[in-house]
Protein backbone atom coordinates (compact mmCIF):
# COMPACT_ATOMS: atom_id res chain seq x y z
CA MET A 1 -17.09 -6.08 -4.45
CA ILE A 2 -17.07 -3.31 -1.94
CA ILE A 3 -18.19 -4.78 1.32
CA ARG A 4 -19.56 -1.55 2.77
CA ASP A 5 -22.11 -1.22 -0.06
CA GLN A 6 -23.61 -4.65 0.67
CA PHE A 7 -26.78 -5.41 2.67
CA ASP A 8 -26.57 -7.78 5.56
CA PRO A 9 -28.97 -10.64 4.58
CA GLU A 10 -27.55 -10.94 1.05
CA LEU A 11 -23.99 -10.69 2.32
CA ARG A 12 -24.37 -13.48 4.80
CA LYS A 13 -25.91 -15.67 2.15
CA MET A 14 -23.09 -14.88 -0.19
CA ILE A 15 -20.42 -15.71 2.37
CA LYS A 16 -22.26 -19.00 3.29
CA ARG A 17 -22.68 -20.04 -0.36
CA LYS A 18 -19.14 -19.54 -1.50
CA LYS A 19 -15.79 -19.18 0.21
CA GLN A 20 -15.00 -15.47 -0.02
CA ILE A 21 -11.65 -13.69 -0.01
CA ALA A 22 -11.62 -10.49 2.02
CA ILE A 23 -9.11 -7.80 0.98
CA ILE A 24 -7.77 -5.26 3.45
CA PRO A 25 -5.80 -2.35 2.00
CA ILE A 26 -3.46 -0.46 4.34
CA GLY A 27 -1.85 2.92 3.40
CA SER A 28 -0.55 5.94 5.34
CA ILE A 29 -1.08 9.68 5.75
CA GLU A 30 2.25 11.37 5.25
CA GLN A 31 4.07 13.96 3.12
CA HIS A 32 4.75 13.11 -0.55
CA GLY A 33 6.82 16.11 -1.61
CA PRO A 34 5.26 19.39 -2.71
CA HIS A 35 3.24 17.91 -5.69
CA LEU A 36 1.36 14.91 -4.25
CA PRO A 37 -1.24 14.80 -1.51
CA ILE A 38 -0.58 13.32 1.90
CA SER A 39 -3.13 10.63 1.12
CA THR A 40 -0.98 9.25 -1.81
CA ASP A 41 -0.14 5.81 -0.25
CA SER A 42 -3.76 5.25 0.83
CA ASP A 43 -5.11 6.46 -2.53
CA ILE A 44 -2.83 4.17 -4.50
CA VAL A 45 -3.38 0.97 -2.43
CA THR A 46 -7.20 1.62 -2.38
CA GLU A 47 -7.21 1.71 -6.23
CA ILE A 48 -5.04 -1.35 -6.58
CA ALA A 49 -7.05 -3.33 -4.01
CA PHE A 50 -10.31 -2.34 -5.71
CA ARG A 51 -9.09 -3.56 -9.15
CA LEU A 52 -7.78 -6.73 -7.50
CA SER A 53 -11.17 -7.37 -5.82
CA GLU A 54 -12.86 -7.11 -9.21
CA LYS A 55 -10.29 -9.45 -10.79
CA ILE A 56 -10.50 -12.24 -8.13
CA ASN A 57 -14.13 -11.53 -7.06
CA GLY A 58 -13.05 -10.55 -3.53
CA LEU A 59 -14.73 -8.55 -0.79
CA LEU A 60 -12.98 -5.20 -0.52
CA LEU A 61 -12.86 -3.69 3.04
CA PRO A 62 -12.40 0.02 3.67
CA THR A 63 -8.75 1.09 3.63
CA ILE A 64 -6.82 1.44 6.79
CA SER A 65 -5.54 4.91 6.05
CA TYR A 66 -3.22 5.41 9.01
CA GLY A 67 0.20 3.68 9.12
CA ILE A 68 3.65 4.09 10.61
CA SER A 69 5.21 7.24 9.19
CA ASP A 70 7.27 8.75 12.06
CA GLU A 71 10.40 8.75 9.85
CA HIS A 72 8.90 11.67 7.90
CA PHE A 73 8.93 14.06 10.79
CA PRO A 74 9.22 17.07 10.90
CA PHE A 75 7.30 16.86 7.52
CA PHE A 76 3.68 16.14 8.13
CA ASN A 77 2.47 12.61 8.98
CA LEU A 78 -0.28 10.98 11.00
CA SER A 79 1.20 7.82 12.57
CA VAL A 80 0.13 4.93 14.79
CA LYS A 81 2.45 2.66 16.78
CA LYS A 82 3.57 -0.64 15.28
CA SER A 83 1.64 -2.51 17.88
CA THR A 84 -1.48 -0.48 17.23
CA LEU A 85 -1.57 -1.37 13.58
CA SER A 86 -0.85 -5.07 14.26
CA LYS A 87 -3.65 -5.14 16.93
CA ILE A 88 -6.18 -3.52 14.51
CA LEU A 89 -5.44 -6.16 11.88
CA GLU A 90 -5.65 -8.99 14.54
CA ASP A 91 -9.07 -7.75 15.63
CA LEU A 92 -10.39 -7.22 12.05
CA CYS A 93 -9.18 -10.61 10.87
CA GLU A 94 -10.71 -12.30 13.98
CA SER A 95 -13.99 -10.58 13.25
CA LEU A 96 -13.91 -11.58 9.49
CA ILE A 97 -13.19 -15.24 10.43
CA LYS A 98 -16.02 -15.14 13.03
CA ASN A 99 -18.32 -14.00 10.18
CA GLY A 100 -17.36 -16.85 7.94
CA ILE A 101 -14.47 -15.34 5.97
CA SER A 102 -11.61 -17.80 6.02
CA LYS A 103 -9.22 -16.25 3.40
CA ILE A 104 -7.81 -12.79 3.88
CA LEU A 105 -5.51 -10.77 1.71
CA ILE A 106 -3.76 -7.70 3.20
CA ILE A 107 -2.40 -5.30 0.58
CA ASN A 108 0.15 -2.94 1.92
CA GLY A 109 0.86 0.46 0.34
CA HIS A 110 3.50 1.95 2.70
CA TYR A 111 7.06 0.78 3.38
CA GLY A 112 7.01 1.98 6.98
CA ASN A 113 4.23 -0.60 7.81
CA LEU A 114 6.44 -3.54 6.98
CA ASP A 115 7.84 -4.27 10.53
CA SER A 116 4.32 -4.18 12.01
CA LEU A 117 2.98 -6.48 9.29
CA LYS A 118 5.87 -8.94 9.82
CA SER A 119 5.05 -9.08 13.51
CA PHE A 120 1.41 -9.62 12.76
CA GLU A 121 2.31 -12.36 10.20
CA ARG A 122 4.39 -14.25 12.73
CA LYS A 123 1.42 -14.44 15.13
CA ASN A 124 -0.95 -15.72 12.46
CA THR A 125 0.88 -18.48 10.71
CA ARG A 126 -1.99 -20.97 11.14
CA ARG A 127 -4.68 -18.75 9.62
CA LYS A 128 -5.20 -18.22 5.86
CA ILE A 129 -3.95 -14.69 5.89
CA LYS A 130 -1.58 -13.51 3.21
CA ILE A 131 0.19 -10.10 3.17
CA PHE A 132 1.48 -8.45 -0.06
CA SER A 133 3.25 -5.08 -0.47
CA TYR A 134 2.11 -3.98 -3.96
CA TRP A 135 5.46 -2.39 -5.05
CA LYS A 136 7.07 -5.81 -4.82
CA HIS A 137 4.93 -6.98 -7.79
CA MET A 138 6.14 -4.64 -10.44
CA SER A 139 9.35 -4.63 -12.56
CA ARG A 140 10.22 -0.98 -11.86
CA GLU A 141 12.21 0.23 -8.87
CA PHE A 142 10.01 1.75 -6.32
CA ASP A 143 10.27 5.35 -5.11
CA HIS A 144 8.58 7.85 -2.92
CA ALA A 145 6.77 10.71 -4.80
CA GLY A 146 9.05 9.93 -7.71
CA ASN A 147 8.25 8.72 -11.18
CA VAL A 148 6.36 5.58 -10.16
CA GLU A 149 4.12 6.99 -7.45
CA THR A 150 3.54 10.19 -9.35
CA SER A 151 2.58 8.32 -12.51
CA ILE A 152 0.19 6.19 -10.63
CA MET A 153 -1.39 9.14 -9.07
CA LEU A 154 -1.73 10.89 -12.44
CA ALA A 155 -3.64 7.77 -13.61
CA ILE A 156 -6.07 7.72 -10.71
CA SER A 157 -6.37 11.23 -9.28
CA LYS A 158 -6.79 14.85 -10.29
CA ASN A 159 -5.23 15.98 -7.06
CA VAL A 160 -1.59 16.24 -8.47
CA ASN A 161 0.22 19.52 -9.01
CA MET A 162 2.95 18.81 -11.56
CA LYS A 163 4.00 22.45 -11.58
CA LYS A 164 5.45 21.88 -8.08
CA ALA A 165 7.14 18.53 -9.01
CA LYS A 166 10.88 18.56 -8.41
CA LYS A 167 13.60 15.90 -8.54
CA GLY A 168 14.52 14.47 -5.16
CA PHE A 169 17.14 12.13 -3.89
CA ASP A 170 18.76 9.78 -6.47
CA THR A 171 20.79 6.59 -5.83
CA GLU A 172 22.21 6.52 -9.38
CA GLY A 173 25.90 5.72 -9.29
CA MET A 174 25.84 4.52 -5.71
CA SER A 175 27.13 1.11 -4.62
CA LYS A 176 24.82 -1.48 -3.00
CA GLN A 177 26.57 -0.79 0.37
CA GLU A 178 25.95 2.93 0.03
CA ILE A 179 22.30 2.45 -0.92
CA SER A 180 21.87 0.04 2.03
CA ARG A 181 23.36 2.60 4.40
CA ILE A 182 21.14 5.41 3.03
CA ASN A 183 18.09 3.21 3.30
CA LYS A 184 18.74 2.67 6.96
CA LEU A 185 19.17 6.40 7.56
CA ALA A 186 15.97 7.13 5.58
CA GLN A 187 14.05 4.85 7.82
CA LYS A 188 15.05 7.08 10.76
CA SER A 189 14.78 10.42 9.03
CA PHE A 190 13.40 10.57 5.48
CA PRO A 191 13.76 14.44 5.22
CA LYS A 192 17.44 14.30 6.24
CA VAL A 193 18.16 11.91 3.33
CA THR A 194 15.97 13.51 0.66
CA GLY A 195 15.81 17.18 1.62
CA ASN A 196 12.48 17.84 -0.14
CA GLY A 197 10.76 14.59 0.86
CA VAL A 198 11.00 13.06 -2.61
CA TRP A 199 13.01 9.90 -3.52
CA GLY A 200 13.29 9.77 -7.26
CA ASP A 201 12.41 12.08 -10.17
CA PRO A 202 8.68 12.86 -10.73
CA THR A 203 9.15 15.44 -13.48
CA LYS A 204 8.78 13.07 -16.42
CA SER A 205 5.82 11.07 -14.88
CA SER A 206 2.76 10.25 -16.98
CA ALA A 207 -0.72 8.82 -16.47
CA ARG A 208 -0.01 6.35 -19.31
CA LEU A 209 2.93 4.91 -17.38
CA GLY A 210 0.88 4.85 -14.25
CA ARG A 211 -1.90 2.81 -15.95
CA ARG A 212 0.74 0.30 -17.14
CA ILE A 213 2.19 -0.11 -13.62
CA ILE A 214 -1.26 -0.57 -12.04
CA LYS A 215 -2.15 -3.33 -14.62
CA GLU A 216 1.14 -5.09 -13.95
CA VAL A 217 0.82 -5.02 -10.27
CA VAL A 218 -2.90 -6.16 -10.20
CA ASP A 219 -2.16 -8.97 -12.77
CA ASN A 220 0.78 -10.20 -10.66
CA LEU A 221 -1.18 -9.94 -7.39
CA ALA A 222 -4.09 -11.88 -8.80
CA LYS A 223 -1.75 -14.67 -9.91
CA GLU A 224 0.13 -14.80 -6.58
CA SER A 225 -2.99 -14.52 -4.47
CA ASN A 226 -4.41 -17.58 -6.27
CA LEU A 227 -1.28 -19.51 -5.61
CA ALA A 228 -1.15 -18.44 -1.94
CA TYR A 229 -4.19 -20.51 -0.80
């Protein structure tokens, strides 16, 4: 249920009548190679959170579209500070709780937000707030504008230009130590590691695969969110 579409009197009655779970999606605005829009993370997490809200009958809040994406500079990104994102979540959750919502799910769609979310989580251990990064709930290895993200976008958006899709950085054949070192470098400068801003190979992506990944993620999130409270 999309909360912004509701009317105040009915919404208050609904919250009072039954314990509601509020869902807050968080994405980012940053480069996703030459073939995907800069809204990719926000688009994907919005879709996943919407489907999750339908599955568990939760109240879906508007997506926080700005995240921490400084590592993508000099490629385009719109970033906030870690403390800013944490503070926004703190204020939102406080407001939700004040309005009678006791259970809150935060669905993260961008890797760069993790440190801020961990900091927020440490401060809110007594509240019924759970944080899930959606890519941790699928069997495939995650990427950035590669096969996974591109397939999901093909399933949910028409704003994908596959003619411009090119293979990016690939960890195939690397040791765990090498991958760990590269990951740390990518967190400081993603363009230096990838060259074209892509981690993975988007060229064989498909909407069919994207639909399968979305279903898997939403099903797993629904199960884990039920166990979380």
